[in-house]
C-alpha cells in the first residue's frame, strides 16, 4: 500500500506538520534555537495539537524537534512582547 502523506499548514515555518497513515507528525522547526518555544511557535503548537486531536482520521500524534534537540524550553527573546504591545497583562 502506498503511504499517504498530507502536509498541513501551521501558519508558521517554526512548526511543521504532516499526516502519514493516520499519524500526525508535528516538528518543532527552530533548530538554531534548539527548538525553544517562541511567541509564534507556542500558539501554533497548541492549535495543531487541538486540530489533530479533534480529527477522527488521525489515530496518533508524534511531536519531534528538528536538528539535535527536541526542545530547549521557552525562549527568552520576545517574552513580554504581548504585554508591551498592550495585548496581555493582568
Protein backbone atom coordinates (compact mmCIF):
# COMPACT_ATOMS: atom_id res chain seq x y z
CA UNK A 1 0.00 0.00 0.00
CA UNK A 2 1.32 3.45 -0.89
CA UNK A 3 1.99 5.73 2.03
CA UNK A 4 -0.43 8.65 2.19
CA UNK A 5 1.29 11.94 3.10
CA UNK A 6 -0.54 15.21 3.68
CA UNK A 7 1.26 18.44 4.60
CA UNK A 8 -0.70 20.70 6.95
CA UNK A 9 -0.31 24.49 7.04
CA UNK A 10 0.56 25.50 10.61
CA UNK A 11 0.68 29.23 9.91
CA UNK A 12 4.41 29.48 10.66
CA UNK A 13 7.66 27.98 9.43
CA UNK A 14 8.59 27.40 13.08
CA UNK A 15 6.23 24.41 13.16
CA UNK A 16 5.80 21.72 10.54
CA UNK A 17 3.03 19.14 10.36
CA UNK A 18 2.34 16.23 8.09
CA UNK A 19 -0.02 13.32 8.32
CA UNK A 20 1.10 9.86 7.22
CA UNK A 21 -1.08 6.79 7.55
CA UNK A 22 -3.24 8.27 10.35
CA UNK A 23 -0.19 9.58 12.28
CA UNK A 24 0.25 13.34 12.66
CA UNK A 25 3.96 14.20 12.77
CA UNK A 26 4.49 17.64 14.30
CA UNK A 27 8.03 19.03 14.12
CA UNK A 28 9.30 21.97 16.14
CA UNK A 29 11.37 23.74 13.49
CA UNK A 30 13.75 26.14 15.24
CA UNK A 31 16.97 24.11 15.25
CA UNK A 32 19.11 27.26 15.53
CA UNK A 33 17.45 27.89 18.93
CA UNK A 34 17.34 24.20 19.92
CA UNK A 35 13.59 24.39 19.17
CA UNK A 36 12.89 26.71 22.09
CA UNK A 37 9.26 27.79 22.29
CA UNK A 38 8.51 31.27 20.96
CA UNK A 39 5.61 33.69 20.63
CA UNK A 40 4.86 32.17 17.21
CA UNK A 41 5.67 28.53 17.88
CA UNK A 42 3.68 28.07 21.09
CA UNK A 43 0.23 29.13 19.81
CA UNK A 44 0.78 27.23 16.54
CA UNK A 45 1.70 24.10 18.50
CA UNK A 46 -1.41 24.41 20.67
CA UNK A 47 -3.62 24.83 17.60
CA UNK A 48 -2.10 21.84 15.82
CA UNK A 49 -2.40 19.56 18.86
CA UNK A 50 -6.08 20.51 19.20
CA UNK A 51 -6.76 20.24 15.47
CA UNK A 52 -5.11 16.83 15.18
CA UNK A 53 -6.71 15.59 18.40
CA UNK A 54 -10.16 16.54 17.13
CA UNK A 55 -9.68 14.85 13.75
CA UNK A 56 -11.17 11.32 13.76
CA UNK A 57 -8.94 10.42 10.79
CA UNK A 58 -5.82 10.81 12.97
CA UNK A 59 -5.05 7.92 15.29
CA UNK A 60 -1.75 9.09 16.83
CA UNK A 61 0.26 12.27 17.32
CA UNK A 62 4.07 12.35 17.34
CA UNK A 63 5.90 15.54 18.31
CA UNK A 64 9.59 15.86 17.46
CA UNK A 65 12.23 18.54 17.04
CA UNK A 66 14.37 19.48 14.04
CA UNK A 67 18.13 19.25 14.46
CA UNK A 68 19.92 17.93 17.54
CA UNK A 69 17.40 18.87 20.24
CA UNK A 70 13.76 18.18 20.95
CA UNK A 71 13.01 21.43 22.80
CA UNK A 72 15.19 23.66 24.97
CA UNK A 73 12.13 25.07 26.76
CA UNK A 74 10.85 28.63 26.47
CA UNK A 75 12.97 31.06 24.51
CA UNK A 76 13.64 34.34 26.32
CA UNK A 77 13.65 36.51 23.20
CA UNK A 78 10.28 38.12 22.73
CA UNK A 79 8.96 37.28 26.20
CA UNK A 80 6.80 40.11 27.39
CA UNK A 81 6.24 41.36 23.84
CA UNK A 82 2.48 40.83 24.13
CA UNK A 83 2.39 42.78 27.37
CA UNK A 84 4.48 45.60 25.95
CA UNK A 85 2.21 45.75 22.88
CA UNK A 86 -0.90 46.04 25.07
CA UNK A 87 -2.18 42.50 24.37
CA UNK A 88 -1.56 40.91 27.73
CA UNK A 89 -1.04 41.52 31.36
CA UNK A 90 -3.17 41.37 34.44
